[in-house]
PDB file of N, CA and C in Angstrom:
ATOM      1  N   MET A   1      58.081 -63.029  22.595  1.00  0.00           N
ATOM      2  CA  MET A   1      57.635 -62.912  21.260  1.00  0.00           C
ATOM      3  C   MET A   1      57.546 -61.459  20.891  1.00  0.00           C
ATOM      4  N   ALA A   2      56.491 -60.914  21.848  1.00  0.00           N
ATOM      5  CA  ALA A   2      56.956 -59.485  21.572  1.00  0.00           C
ATOM      6  C   ALA A   2      58.027 -58.330  20.907  1.00  0.00           C
ATOM      7  N   ILE A   3      58.612 -58.959  21.964  1.00  0.00           N
ATOM      8  CA  ILE A   3      60.068 -58.184  21.445  1.00  0.00           C
ATOM      9  C   ILE A   3      60.625 -58.580  20.326  1.00  0.00           C
ATOM     10  N   ALA A   4      60.125 -59.916  20.104  1.00  0.00           N
ATOM     11  CA  ALA A   4      61.108 -60.618  19.027  1.00  0.00           C
ATOM     12  C   ALA A   4      60.593 -59.895  17.655  1.00  0.00           C
ATOM     13  N   ARG A   5      58.613 -59.262  17.795  1.00  0.00           N
ATOM     14  CA  ARG A   5      58.167 -59.190  16.485  1.00  0.00           C
ATOM     15  C   ARG A   5      58.631 -57.645  16.893  1.00  0.00           C
ATOM     16  N   ALA A   6      58.734 -56.856  17.743  1.00  0.00           N
ATOM     17  CA  ALA A   6      59.103 -55.365  17.309  1.00  0.00           C
ATOM     18  C   ALA A   6      60.314 -55.095  16.901  1.00  0.00           C
ATOM     19  N   ILE A   7      61.469 -56.276  16.982  1.00  0.00           N
ATOM     20  CA  ILE A   7      62.366 -55.644  16.364  1.00  0.00           C
ATOM     21  C   ILE A   7      62.647 -56.224  14.651  1.00  0.00           C
ATOM     22  N   VAL A   8      62.001 -57.359  14.547  1.00  0.00           N
ATOM     23  CA  VAL A   8      62.365 -58.522  13.335  1.00  0.00           C
ATOM     24  C   VAL A   8      62.606 -57.356  12.491  1.00  0.00           C
ATOM     25  N   ASN A   9      61.699 -56.077  12.210  1.00  0.00           N
ATOM     26  CA  ASN A   9      61.625 -55.390  10.987  1.00  0.00           C
ATOM     27  C   ASN A   9      62.569 -54.730  11.126  1.00  0.00           C
ATOM     28  N   ASP A  10      63.614 -54.388  11.881  1.00  0.00           N
ATOM     29  CA  ASP A  10      64.925 -53.447  12.330  1.00  0.00           C
ATOM     30  C   ASP A  10      64.298 -52.015  12.106  1.00  0.00           C
ATOM     31  N   PRO A  11      63.719 -51.593  13.168  1.00  0.00           N
ATOM     32  CA  PRO A  11      63.377 -50.457  13.296  1.00  0.00           C
ATOM     33  C   PRO A  11      64.028 -49.415  14.018  1.00  0.00           C
ATOM     34  N   ASP A  12      63.687 -47.616  13.648  1.00  0.00           N
ATOM     35  CA  ASP A  12      65.056 -47.001  14.021  1.00  0.00           C
ATOM     36  C   ASP A  12      64.740 -46.930  15.837  1.00  0.00           C
ATOM     37  N   TYR A  13      63.452 -47.058  16.191  1.00  0.00           N
ATOM     38  CA  TYR A  13      62.978 -46.781  17.588  1.00  0.00           C
ATOM     39  C   TYR A  13      62.431 -47.881  18.012  1.00  0.00           C
ATOM     40  N   ILE A  14      62.718 -48.342  19.186  1.00  0.00           N
ATOM     41  CA  ILE A  14      61.819 -49.291  20.085  1.00  0.00           C
ATOM     42  C   ILE A  14      60.835 -48.736  21.138  1.00  0.00           C
ATOM     43  N   PHE A  15      59.769 -49.112  21.312  1.00  0.00           N
ATOM     44  CA  PHE A  15      59.518 -48.613  22.754  1.00  0.00           C
ATOM     45  C   PHE A  15      58.844 -49.786  23.041  1.00  0.00           C
ATOM     46  N   ALA A  16      59.497 -49.781  24.964  1.00  0.00           N
ATOM     47  CA  ALA A  16      59.036 -51.188  25.329  1.00  0.00           C
ATOM     48  C   ALA A  16      58.625 -50.627  26.892  1.00  0.00           C
ATOM     49  N   ASP A  17      57.271 -51.232  26.759  1.00  0.00           N
ATOM     50  CA  ASP A  17      56.720 -50.663  28.196  1.00  0.00           C
ATOM     51  C   ASP A  17      56.293 -52.232  29.185  1.00  0.00           C
ATOM     52  N   GLU A  18      57.409 -51.712  30.500  1.00  0.00           N
ATOM     53  CA  GLU A  18      57.270 -53.003  31.287  1.00  0.00           C
ATOM     54  C   GLU A  18      58.088 -53.872  30.620  1.00  0.00           C
ATOM     55  N   PRO A  19      59.043 -53.925  29.707  1.00  0.00           N
ATOM     56  CA  PRO A  19      59.653 -55.133  28.831  1.00  0.00           C
ATOM     57  C   PRO A  19      59.915 -56.719  30.026  1.00  0.00           C
ATOM     58  N   THR A  20      60.353 -55.808  31.069  1.00  0.00           N
ATOM     59  CA  THR A  20      60.889 -56.870  31.911  1.00  0.00           C
ATOM     60  C   THR A  20      59.402 -57.490  32.843  1.00  0.00           C
ATOM     61  N   GLY A  21      58.448 -56.837  32.698  1.00  0.00           N
ATOM     62  CA  GLY A  21      57.645 -57.344  33.846  1.00  0.00           C
ATOM     63  C   GLY A  21      56.959 -58.882  34.614  1.00  0.00           C
ATOM     64  N   ALA A  22      56.865 -59.058  33.669  1.00  0.00           N
ATOM     65  CA  ALA A  22      56.538 -60.673  33.104  1.00  0.00           C
ATOM     66  C   ALA A  22      57.211 -61.989  33.609  1.00  0.00           C
ATOM     67  N   LEU A  23      58.974 -61.318  33.682  1.00  0.00           N
ATOM     68  CA  LEU A  23      59.947 -62.118  33.196  1.00  0.00           C
ATOM     69  C   LEU A  23      60.538 -62.422  34.401  1.00  0.00           C
ATOM     70  N   ASP A  24      61.251 -63.776  34.516  1.00  0.00           N
ATOM     71  CA  ASP A  24      62.069 -63.726  35.791  1.00  0.00           C
ATOM     72  C   ASP A  24      63.700 -63.163  35.682  1.00  0.00           C
ATOM     73  N   SER A  25      63.913 -63.068  36.490  1.00  0.00           N
ATOM     74  CA  SER A  25      65.351 -61.910  36.834  1.00  0.00           C
ATOM     75  C   SER A  25      66.274 -62.273  35.451  1.00  0.00           C
ATOM     76  N   GLU A  26      66.696 -63.400  35.349  1.00  0.00           N
ATOM     77  CA  GLU A  26      67.850 -63.557  34.051  1.00  0.00           C
ATOM     78  C   GLU A  26      67.809 -63.425  33.063  1.00  0.00           C
ATOM     79  N   THR A  27      66.409 -63.496  33.028  1.00  0.00           N
ATOM     80  CA  THR A  27      65.503 -63.304  31.239  1.00  0.00           C
ATOM     81  C   THR A  27      65.309 -61.815  31.461  1.00  0.00           C
ATOM     82  N   GLY A  28      65.061 -60.968  32.199  1.00  0.00           N
ATOM     83  CA  GLY A  28      64.876 -59.716  32.153  1.00  0.00           C
ATOM     84  C   GLY A  28      66.341 -59.152  31.923  1.00  0.00           C
ATOM     85  N   LYS A  29      67.253 -59.493  32.643  1.00  0.00           N
ATOM     86  CA  LYS A  29      68.517 -59.408  32.710  1.00  0.00           C
ATOM     87  C   LYS A  29      69.368 -59.227  30.756  1.00  0.00           C
ATOM     88  N   GLN A  30      68.619 -60.157  30.127  1.00  0.00           N
ATOM     89  CA  GLN A  30      68.667 -60.633  28.605  1.00  0.00           C
ATOM     90  C   GLN A  30      68.540 -59.726  28.128  1.00  0.00           C
ATOM     91  N   ILE A  31      67.339 -59.563  28.164  1.00  0.00           N
ATOM     92  CA  ILE A  31      66.020 -58.444  27.504  1.00  0.00           C
ATOM     93  C   ILE A  31      66.998 -57.498  27.680  1.00  0.00           C
ATOM     94  N   MET A  32      67.513 -56.520  28.892  1.00  0.00           N
ATOM     95  CA  MET A  32      68.125 -54.971  28.808  1.00  0.00           C
ATOM     96  C   MET A  32      69.669 -55.222  28.480  1.00  0.00           C
ATOM     97  N   GLU A  33      70.119 -56.656  28.217  1.00  0.00           N
ATOM     98  CA  GLU A  33      71.508 -56.516  27.449  1.00  0.00           C
ATOM     99  C   GLU A  33      71.141 -56.384  25.642  1.00  0.00           C
ATOM    100  N   LEU A  34      69.996 -57.110  25.100  1.00  0.00           N
ATOM    101  CA  LEU A  34      69.522 -57.230  24.227  1.00  0.00           C
ATOM    102  C   LEU A  34      69.413 -56.124  23.313  1.00  0.00           C
ATOM    103  N   PHE A  35      68.496 -55.019  24.462  1.00  0.00           N
ATOM    104  CA  PHE A  35      68.072 -53.857  24.267  1.00  0.00           C
ATOM    105  C   PHE A  35      69.741 -52.463  24.545  1.00  0.00           C
ATOM    106  N   ARG A  36      70.243 -52.573  25.323  1.00  0.00           N
ATOM    107  CA  ARG A  36      71.656 -52.305  25.145  1.00  0.00           C
ATOM    108  C   ARG A  36      72.674 -52.013  23.667  1.00  0.00           C
ATOM    109  N   ASP A  37      72.635 -53.373  23.506  1.00  0.00           N
ATOM    110  CA  ASP A  37      73.299 -53.400  22.125  1.00  0.00           C
ATOM    111  C   ASP A  37      72.295 -53.266  20.781  1.00  0.00           C
ATOM    112  N   LEU A  38      71.488 -53.038  21.074  1.00  0.00           N
ATOM    113  CA  LEU A  38      70.466 -52.441  19.979  1.00  0.00           C
ATOM    114  C   LEU A  38      70.615 -50.955  19.919  1.00  0.00           C
ATOM    115  N   ASN A  39      70.890 -50.418  21.318  1.00  0.00           N
ATOM    116  CA  ASN A  39      71.447 -48.995  21.080  1.00  0.00           C
ATOM    117  C   ASN A  39      72.336 -48.398  20.640  1.00  0.00           C
ATOM    118  N   LYS A  40      73.679 -49.221  21.192  1.00  0.00           N
ATOM    119  CA  LYS A  40      74.843 -49.112  20.779  1.00  0.00           C
ATOM    120  C   LYS A  40      74.933 -49.235  19.145  1.00  0.00           C
ATOM    121  N   LYS A  41      73.929 -50.078  18.451  1.00  0.00           N
ATOM    122  CA  LYS A  41      74.186 -50.283  16.868  1.00  0.00           C
ATOM    123  C   LYS A  41      73.038 -48.736  16.267  1.00  0.00           C
ATOM    124  N   GLY A  42      72.833 -48.113  17.229  1.00  0.00           N
ATOM    125  CA  GLY A  42      72.215 -46.607  16.329  1.00  0.00           C
ATOM    126  C   GLY A  42      70.647 -46.574  16.723  1.00  0.00           C
ATOM    127  N   LYS A  43      70.335 -47.609  17.342  1.00  0.00           N
ATOM    128  CA  LYS A  43      68.755 -47.854  17.759  1.00  0.00           C
ATOM    129  C   LYS A  43      68.128 -46.828  18.807  1.00  0.00           C
ATOM    130  N   ILE A  44      67.413 -46.163  18.884  1.00  0.00           N
ATOM    131  CA  ILE A  44      66.848 -45.561  20.086  1.00  0.00           C
ATOM    132  C   ILE A  44      65.785 -46.046  20.707  1.00  0.00           C
ATOM    133  N   VAL A  45      65.835 -46.670  21.905  1.00  0.00           N
ATOM    134  CA  VAL A  45      65.326 -47.991  22.802  1.00  0.00           C
ATOM    135  C   VAL A  45      64.840 -46.577  23.761  1.00  0.00           C
ATOM    136  N   VAL A  46      63.204 -46.604  24.035  1.00  0.00           N
ATOM    137  CA  VAL A  46      62.545 -46.160  25.192  1.00  0.00           C
ATOM    138  C   VAL A  46      61.904 -46.940  26.147  1.00  0.00           C
ATOM    139  N   ILE A  47      62.130 -46.905  27.100  1.00  0.00           N
ATOM    140  CA  ILE A  47      61.811 -48.048  28.153  1.00  0.00           C
ATOM    141  C   ILE A  47      60.744 -47.235  28.997  1.00  0.00           C
ATOM    142  N   VAL A  48      59.528 -47.565  29.433  1.00  0.00           N
ATOM    143  CA  VAL A  48      58.836 -47.470  30.476  1.00  0.00           C
ATOM    144  C   VAL A  48      58.372 -48.305  31.358  1.00  0.00           C
ATOM    145  N   THR A  49      59.258 -47.811  32.861  1.00  0.00           N
ATOM    146  CA  THR A  49      59.280 -49.243  33.594  1.00  0.00           C
ATOM    147  C   THR A  49      58.767 -48.144  35.135  1.00  0.00           C
ATOM    148  N   HIS A  50      58.356 -49.005  36.014  1.00  0.00           N
ATOM    149  CA  HIS A  50      58.172 -48.219  37.450  1.00  0.00           C
ATOM    150  C   HIS A  50      59.408 -49.517  38.469  1.00  0.00           C
ATOM    151  N   ASP A  51      60.298 -50.356  37.918  1.00  0.00           N
ATOM    152  CA  ASP A  51      61.335 -50.991  38.349  1.00  0.00           C
ATOM    153  C   ASP A  51      62.577 -50.285  38.438  1.00  0.00           C
ATOM    154  N   GLN A  52      62.988 -49.294  39.233  1.00  0.00           N
ATOM    155  CA  GLN A  52      64.272 -48.868  39.692  1.00  0.00           C
ATOM    156  C   GLN A  52      65.301 -49.581  39.121  1.00  0.00           C
ATOM    157  N   GLU A  53      65.506 -50.853  39.826  1.00  0.00           N
ATOM    158  CA  GLU A  53      66.622 -51.421  38.856  1.00  0.00           C
ATOM    159  C   GLU A  53      66.873 -50.884  37.246  1.00  0.00           C
ATOM    160  N   ILE A  54      65.754 -51.532  36.501  1.00  0.00           N
ATOM    161  CA  ILE A  54      65.714 -51.529  34.882  1.00  0.00           C
ATOM    162  C   ILE A  54      66.217 -49.730  34.540  1.00  0.00           C
ATOM    163  N   ALA A  55      65.391 -48.975  35.408  1.00  0.00           N
ATOM    164  CA  ALA A  55      65.664 -47.431  35.363  1.00  0.00           C
ATOM    165  C   ALA A  55      66.864 -46.735  35.360  1.00  0.00           C
ATOM    166  N   GLY A  56      67.676 -47.756  36.406  1.00  0.00           N
ATOM    167  CA  GLY A  56      69.017 -47.431  36.513  1.00  0.00           C
ATOM    168  C   GLY A  56      70.135 -47.834  35.594  1.00  0.00           C
ATOM    169  N   ALA A  57      69.674 -49.089  34.504  1.00  0.00           N
ATOM    170  CA  ALA A  57      70.342 -49.866  34.159  1.00  0.00           C
ATOM    171  C   ALA A  57      70.097 -48.556  32.561  1.00  0.00           C
ATOM    172  N   CYS A  58      69.316 -47.565  32.432  1.00  0.00           N
ATOM    173  CA  CYS A  58      69.433 -46.780  31.423  1.00  0.00           C
ATOM    174  C   CYS A  58      70.273 -45.809  31.606  1.00  0.00           C
ATOM    175  N   ASP A  59      70.605 -45.346  30.272  1.00  0.00           N
ATOM    176  CA  ASP A  59      71.762 -43.637  30.205  1.00  0.00           C
ATOM    177  C   ASP A  59      70.975 -42.914  30.621  1.00  0.00           C
ATOM    178  N   ARG A  60      69.464 -42.600  30.364  1.00  0.00           N
ATOM    179  CA  ARG A  60      69.049 -41.461  30.475  1.00  0.00           C
ATOM    180  C   ARG A  60      67.564 -41.369  31.509  1.00  0.00           C
ATOM    181  N   ILE A  61      67.318 -40.881  32.450  1.00  0.00           N
ATOM    182  CA  ILE A  61      65.486 -41.294  32.989  1.00  0.00           C
ATOM    183  C   ILE A  61      65.263 -39.730  33.121  1.00  0.00           C
ATOM    184  N   VAL A  62      63.677 -40.183  32.648  1.00  0.00           N
ATOM    185  CA  VAL A  62      62.717 -39.083  32.530  1.00  0.00           C
ATOM    186  C   VAL A  62      62.121 -39.484  33.348  1.00  0.00           C
ATOM    187  N   THR A  63      61.322 -38.759  34.685  1.00  0.00           N
ATOM    188  CA  THR A  63      60.423 -39.473  35.489  1.00  0.00           C
ATOM    189  C   THR A  63      59.274 -38.429  35.373  1.00  0.00           C
ATOM    190  N   VAL A  64      58.161 -39.024  34.937  1.00  0.00           N
ATOM    191  CA  VAL A  64      56.717 -38.493  35.061  1.00  0.00           C
ATOM    192  C   VAL A  64      55.647 -38.686  36.308  1.00  0.00           C
ATOM    193  N   LYS A  65      55.774 -37.393  37.240  1.00  0.00           N
ATOM    194  CA  LYS A  65      55.097 -37.484  38.665  1.00  0.00           C
ATOM    195  C   LYS A  65      53.874 -35.996  38.453  1.00  0.00           C
ATOM    196  N   ASP A  66      52.633 -36.567  39.014  1.00  0.00           N
ATOM    197  CA  ASP A  66      51.864 -35.249  39.349  1.00  0.00           C
ATOM    198  C   ASP A  66      51.412 -34.867  37.780  1.00  0.00           C
ATOM    199  N   GLY A  67      51.934 -35.339  36.578  1.00  0.00           N
ATOM    200  CA  GLY A  67      51.595 -34.707  35.433  1.00  0.00           C
ATOM    201  C   GLY A  67      52.479 -33.410  34.679  1.00  0.00           C
ATOM    202  N   ARG A  68      53.995 -33.856  35.609  1.00  0.00           N
ATOM    203  CA  ARG A  68      55.203 -33.294  35.214  1.00  0.00           C
ATOM    204  C   ARG A  68      56.286 -34.071  35.104  1.00  0.00           C
ATOM    205  N   ILE A  69      57.082 -33.586  34.049  1.00  0.00           N
ATOM    206  CA  ILE A  69      58.042 -34.407  33.386  1.00  0.00           C
ATOM    207  C   ILE A  69      59.518 -33.724  33.888  1.00  0.00           C
ATOM    208  N   TYR A  70      60.523 -34.610  34.681  1.00  0.00           N
ATOM    209  CA  TYR A  70      61.263 -34.156  35.009  1.00  0.00           C
ATOM    210  C   TYR A  70      62.573 -34.775  34.718  1.00  0.00           C
TER     211      TYR A  70
END
């Protein structure tokens, strides 16, 4: 429901903090496909995750470690 509430007003930016963390793997894949489709339509999607598989599905990865941005 949180994802639906976040996109219902057609925002330009979507910030998602661990959006697949509490989901089963199939639903997580569907959410990532939704984010990819939204991005293709011009939406900026920022995902915060510890899951390397989710990060690997993104076009750009920014890493924060020990207070530094890489």
